[in-house]
C-alpha atoms as a PDB file:
ATOM      1  CA  MET A   1       0.002   0.004  -0.031  1.00  0.00           C
ATOM      2  CA  LEU A   2       2.917   2.340   0.731  1.00  0.00           C
ATOM      3  CA  PHE A   3       4.211   1.909  -2.813  1.00  0.00           C
ATOM      4  CA  LYS A   4       0.802   2.800  -4.221  1.00  0.00           C
ATOM      5  CA  ILE A   5       0.707   5.988  -2.146  1.00  0.00           C
ATOM      6  CA  ILE A   6       4.268   7.025  -3.119  1.00  0.00           C
ATOM      7  CA  GLY A   7       3.337   6.132  -6.735  1.00  0.00           C
ATOM      8  CA  ALA A   8       0.320   8.494  -6.507  1.00  0.00           C
ATOM      9  CA  PHE A   9       2.616  11.313  -5.351  1.00  0.00           C
ATOM     10  CA  ILE A  10       5.004  10.719  -8.243  1.00  0.00           C
ATOM     11  CA  ALA A  11       2.111  10.505 -10.765  1.00  0.00           C
ATOM     12  CA  VAL A  12       0.611  13.798  -9.501  1.00  0.00           C
ATOM     13  CA  VAL A  13       3.919  15.620  -9.616  1.00  0.00           C
ATOM     14  CA  ALA A  14       4.567  14.302 -13.124  1.00  0.00           C
ATOM     15  CA  PHE A  15       1.059  15.537 -14.143  1.00  0.00           C
ATOM     16  CA  CYS A  16       1.944  18.935 -12.596  1.00  0.00           C
ATOM     17  CA  ILE A  17       5.042  19.042 -14.787  1.00  0.00           C
ATOM     18  CA  MET A  18       2.984  18.148 -17.831  1.00  0.00           C
ATOM     19  CA  ILE A  19       0.409  20.909 -17.231  1.00  0.00           C
ATOM     20  CA  GLU A  20       3.185  23.388 -16.303  1.00  0.00           C
ATOM     21  CA  LEU A  21       2.058  24.114 -12.795  1.00  0.00           C
ATOM     22  CA  PRO A  22       4.417  26.564 -11.089  1.00  0.00           C
ATOM     23  CA  LYS A  23       7.224  24.667  -9.366  1.00  0.00           C
ATOM     24  CA  LYS A  24       6.451  26.218  -5.961  1.00  0.00           C
ATOM     25  CA  TYR A  25       3.111  24.399  -5.838  1.00  0.00           C
ATOM     26  CA  MET A  26       4.123  20.950  -7.134  1.00  0.00           C
ATOM     27  CA  VAL A  27       5.013  19.367  -3.802  1.00  0.00           C
ATOM     28  CA  GLN A  28       1.781  20.573  -2.178  1.00  0.00           C
ATOM     29  CA  ALA A  29      -0.285  19.332  -5.159  1.00  0.00           C
ATOM     30  CA  GLY A  30       1.543  16.001  -4.994  1.00  0.00           C
ATOM     31  CA  LEU A  31       0.794  15.738  -1.271  1.00  0.00           C
ATOM     32  CA  THR A  32      -2.865  16.498  -1.915  1.00  0.00           C
ATOM     33  CA  GLY A  33      -3.073  13.632  -4.442  1.00  0.00           C
ATOM     34  CA  MET A  34      -1.108  11.332  -2.179  1.00  0.00           C
ATOM     35  CA  VAL A  35      -3.378  11.971   0.793  1.00  0.00           C
ATOM     36  CA  GLY A  36      -6.464  11.593  -1.325  1.00  0.00           C
ATOM     37  CA  TRP A  37      -5.255   8.258  -2.732  1.00  0.00           C
ATOM     38  CA  ALA A  38      -4.379   7.011   0.780  1.00  0.00           C
ATOM     39  CA  VAL A  39      -7.870   7.917   1.985  1.00  0.00           C
ATOM     40  CA  TYR A  40      -9.368   6.214  -1.069  1.00  0.00           C
ATOM     41  CA  LEU A  41      -7.444   2.994  -0.438  1.00  0.00           C
ATOM     42  CA  VAL A  42      -8.374   2.889   3.253  1.00  0.00           C
ATOM     43  CA  MET A  43     -12.020   3.699   2.565  1.00  0.00           C
ATOM     44  CA  ASP A  44     -12.171   1.043  -0.175  1.00  0.00           C
ATOM     45  CA  MET A  45     -10.918  -1.572   2.309  1.00  0.00           C
ATOM     46  CA  VAL A  46     -13.305  -0.334   5.046  1.00  0.00           C
ATOM     47  CA  ALA A  47     -16.482   0.329   3.051  1.00  0.00           C
ATOM     48  CA  ASN A  48     -15.731  -1.995   0.144  1.00  0.00           C
ATOM     49  CA  ARG A  49     -17.580   0.352  -2.196  1.00  0.00           C
ATOM     50  CA  VAL A  50     -15.709   2.511  -4.696  1.00  0.00           C
ATOM     51  CA  GLU A  51     -18.280   5.295  -4.779  1.00  0.00           C
ATOM     52  CA  ILE A  52     -18.011   5.801  -0.986  1.00  0.00           C
ATOM     53  CA  ALA A  53     -14.200   5.696  -1.224  1.00  0.00           C
ATOM     54  CA  ALA A  54     -14.275   8.275  -4.054  1.00  0.00           C
ATOM     55  CA  LEU A  55     -16.642  10.509  -2.115  1.00  0.00           C
ATOM     56  CA  VAL A  56     -14.655  10.574   1.062  1.00  0.00           C
ATOM     57  CA  SER A  57     -11.296  10.961  -0.665  1.00  0.00           C
ATOM     58  CA  ALA A  58     -12.633  13.755  -2.856  1.00  0.00           C
ATOM     59  CA  LEU A  59     -13.930  15.503   0.233  1.00  0.00           C
ATOM     60  CA  CYS A  60     -10.389  15.354   1.696  1.00  0.00           C
ATOM     61  CA  ILE A  61      -8.780  16.494  -1.590  1.00  0.00           C
ATOM     62  CA  ALA A  62     -11.190  19.409  -2.026  1.00  0.00           C
ATOM     63  CA  THR A  63     -10.770  20.501   1.642  1.00  0.00           C
ATOM     64  CA  MET A  64      -6.997  20.352   1.392  1.00  0.00           C
ATOM     65  CA  SER A  65      -7.042  22.214  -1.859  1.00  0.00           C
ATOM     66  CA  HIS A  66      -9.088  25.051  -0.387  1.00  0.00           C
ATOM     67  CA  ILE A  67      -6.883  25.279   2.655  1.00  0.00           C
ATOM     68  CA  LEU A  68      -3.681  25.214   0.674  1.00  0.00           C
ATOM     69  CA  ALA A  69      -5.041  27.860  -1.726  1.00  0.00           C
ATOM     70  CA  ARG A  70      -5.722  30.266   1.145  1.00  0.00           C
ATOM     71  CA  VAL A  71      -2.453  29.587   2.941  1.00  0.00           C
ATOM     72  CA  LEU A  72      -0.303  29.887  -0.206  1.00  0.00           C
ATOM     73  CA  LYS A  73      -2.514  32.559  -1.898  1.00  0.00           C
ATOM     74  CA  ALA A  74      -3.002  30.508  -5.001  1.00  0.00           C
ATOM     75  CA  PRO A  75      -5.993  29.341  -7.078  1.00  0.00           C
ATOM     76  CA  VAL A  76      -7.808  26.310  -5.705  1.00  0.00           C
ATOM     77  CA  SER A  77      -7.488  24.626  -9.112  1.00  0.00           C
ATOM     78  CA  ASN A  78      -3.682  24.461  -8.671  1.00  0.00           C
ATOM     79  CA  PHE A  79      -4.208  21.731  -6.036  1.00  0.00           C
ATOM     80  CA  LEU A  80      -7.682  20.423  -6.869  1.00  0.00           C
ATOM     81  CA  ILE A  81      -7.160  19.312 -10.467  1.00  0.00           C
ATOM     82  CA  PRO A  82      -3.857  17.431  -9.869  1.00  0.00           C
ATOM     83  CA  GLY A  83      -5.211  16.152  -6.516  1.00  0.00           C
ATOM     84  CA  ILE A  84      -8.160  14.321  -7.979  1.00  0.00           C
ATOM     85  CA  LEU A  85      -6.035  12.649 -10.689  1.00  0.00           C
ATOM     86  CA  PRO A  86      -5.454   9.376  -8.761  1.00  0.00           C
ATOM     87  CA  ILE A  87      -9.187   8.882  -8.039  1.00  0.00           C
ATOM     88  CA  VAL A  88     -10.537   9.717 -11.506  1.00  0.00           C
ATOM     89  CA  PRO A  89     -12.372   6.573 -12.906  1.00  0.00           C
ATOM     90  CA  GLY A  90     -10.134   6.115 -15.932  1.00  0.00           C
ATOM     91  CA  GLY A  91     -10.028   2.334 -15.602  1.00  0.00           C
ATOM     92  CA  SER A  92     -13.739   2.072 -15.470  1.00  0.00           C
ATOM     93  CA  ILE A  93     -14.161   4.371 -18.482  1.00  0.00           C
ATOM     94  CA  TYR A  94     -11.646   2.352 -20.390  1.00  0.00           C
ATOM     95  CA  ARG A  95     -13.402  -0.932 -19.506  1.00  0.00           C
ATOM     96  CA  CYS A  96     -16.751   0.686 -20.495  1.00  0.00           C
ATOM     97  CA  ALA A  97     -15.380   1.705 -23.946  1.00  0.00           C
ATOM     98  CA  TYR A  98     -13.797  -1.759 -24.373  1.00  0.00           C
ATOM     99  CA  ALA A  99     -17.059  -3.512 -23.463  1.00  0.00           C
ATOM    100  CA  PHE A 100     -18.903  -1.188 -25.890  1.00  0.00           C
ATOM    101  CA  ILE A 101     -16.572  -2.133 -28.734  1.00  0.00           C
ATOM    102  CA  ARG A 102     -16.767  -5.868 -27.907  1.00  0.00           C
ATOM    103  CA  GLU A 103     -20.566  -5.628 -27.414  1.00  0.00           C
ATOM    104  CA  SER A 104     -20.148  -7.188 -24.033  1.00  0.00           C
ATOM    105  CA  SER A 105     -22.865  -7.514 -21.399  1.00  0.00           C
ATOM    106  CA  ASN A 106     -20.519  -5.907 -18.837  1.00  0.00           C
ATOM    107  CA  LEU A 107     -21.031  -2.465 -20.462  1.00  0.00           C
ATOM    108  CA  SER A 108     -23.774  -1.385 -18.086  1.00  0.00           C
ATOM    109  CA  PHE A 109     -21.758  -2.481 -15.042  1.00  0.00           C
ATOM    110  CA  TYR A 110     -18.655  -0.490 -16.026  1.00  0.00           C
ATOM    111  CA  MET A 111     -20.714   2.488 -17.094  1.00  0.00           C
ATOM    112  CA  ASN A 112     -22.647   2.481 -13.814  1.00  0.00           C
ATOM    113  CA  GLU A 113     -19.379   2.237 -11.844  1.00  0.00           C
ATOM    114  CA  ALA A 114     -17.709   5.110 -13.774  1.00  0.00           C
ATOM    115  CA  LEU A 115     -20.761   7.348 -13.393  1.00  0.00           C
ATOM    116  CA  LYS A 116     -21.015   6.640  -9.630  1.00  0.00           C
ATOM    117  CA  ILE A 117     -17.361   7.456  -9.111  1.00  0.00           C
ATOM    118  CA  ALA A 118     -17.514  10.613 -11.242  1.00  0.00           C
ATOM    119  CA  GLY A 119     -20.752  11.710  -9.500  1.00  0.00           C
ATOM    120  CA  SER A 120     -19.193  11.152  -6.063  1.00  0.00           C
ATOM    121  CA  ILE A 121     -16.180  13.288  -6.992  1.00  0.00           C
ATOM    122  CA  ALA A 122     -18.390  16.068  -8.419  1.00  0.00           C
ATOM    123  CA  LEU A 123     -20.684  16.008  -5.344  1.00  0.00           C
ATOM    124  CA  ALA A 124     -17.748  16.241  -2.916  1.00  0.00           C
ATOM    125  CA  ILE A 125     -16.158  19.134  -4.771  1.00  0.00           C
ATOM    126  CA  PHE A 126     -19.461  20.972  -4.953  1.00  0.00           C
ATOM    127  CA  PHE A 127     -20.125  20.462  -1.266  1.00  0.00           C
ATOM    128  CA  VAL A 128     -16.668  21.616  -0.073  1.00  0.00           C
ATOM    129  CA  ASP A 129     -16.740  24.589  -2.430  1.00  0.00           C
ATOM    130  CA  SER A 130     -20.187  25.644  -1.163  1.00  0.00           C
ATOM    131  CA  VAL A 131     -19.072  25.307   2.472  1.00  0.00           C
ATOM    132  CA  PHE A 132     -15.981  27.473   1.873  1.00  0.00           C
ATOM    133  CA  LYS A 133     -18.022  30.087  -0.019  1.00  0.00           C
ATOM    134  CA  LEU A 134     -20.581  30.313   2.824  1.00  0.00           C
ATOM    135  CA  HIS A 135     -18.012  30.807   5.512  1.00  0.00           C
ATOM    136  CA  LEU A 136     -15.691  33.254   3.760  1.00  0.00           C
ATOM    137  CA  PRO A 137     -16.158  36.955   4.299  1.00  0.00           C
ATOM    138  CA  LYS A 138     -17.754  38.661   1.347  1.00  0.00           C
ATOM    139  CA  LYS A 139     -15.529  40.936  -0.684  1.00  0.00           C
ATOM    140  CA  THR A 140     -16.992  44.411  -1.024  1.00  0.00           C
ATOM    141  CA  SER A 141     -15.990  46.735  -3.753  1.00  0.00           C
ATOM    142  CA  PRO A 142     -14.849  50.275  -2.703  1.00  0.00           C
ATOM    143  CA  LYS A 143     -17.528  52.931  -2.974  1.00  0.00           C
ATOM    144  CA  ILE A 144     -17.078  55.332  -5.863  1.00  0.00           C
ATOM    145  CA  LYS A 145     -17.781  58.952  -5.065  1.00  0.00           C
END
C-alpha cells in the first residue's frame, strides 16, 4: 500500500510538470493527491464500495485544496485538479469503452461504476466549495464617489 501512495505522489507531480504548474506548488499538489489516494485505499478496504471511497477521498482532496489555496494565496485549481487525478475513474471508463466495442454484457456495469465514481467526486467538490463560499467573508468593492 505504501508503494501505491508513493506512486500517486510521483504521478501527480509528473502531471503537474506536464500541465506546467508553477514549481512552488508541485510538492503541495503531490501531497494533496497522495493523501487523497491514501484515503481512497483505506475507505475502499473499510467500506468495500468504490463510490463511498471516491466521495470521502474527494472531500479530503477538495478541503486540502481550499486550505492550501488560502495559505499559499494560489488558485484552488492548482491543487484540486492534480489532486483528484489518482481517483478519476479512468479504468472504469476504459473498460466501459472496451465492453462497448466488444458488445459485451458488462457495459452497463462499467458505465454504472464510472458514473457513480464521477458523480461522487463532483458532489464532494461541490459540497466543499459551497461550504467554503458560505464561511468566507464577502468581498466588497470600494464605493465610488
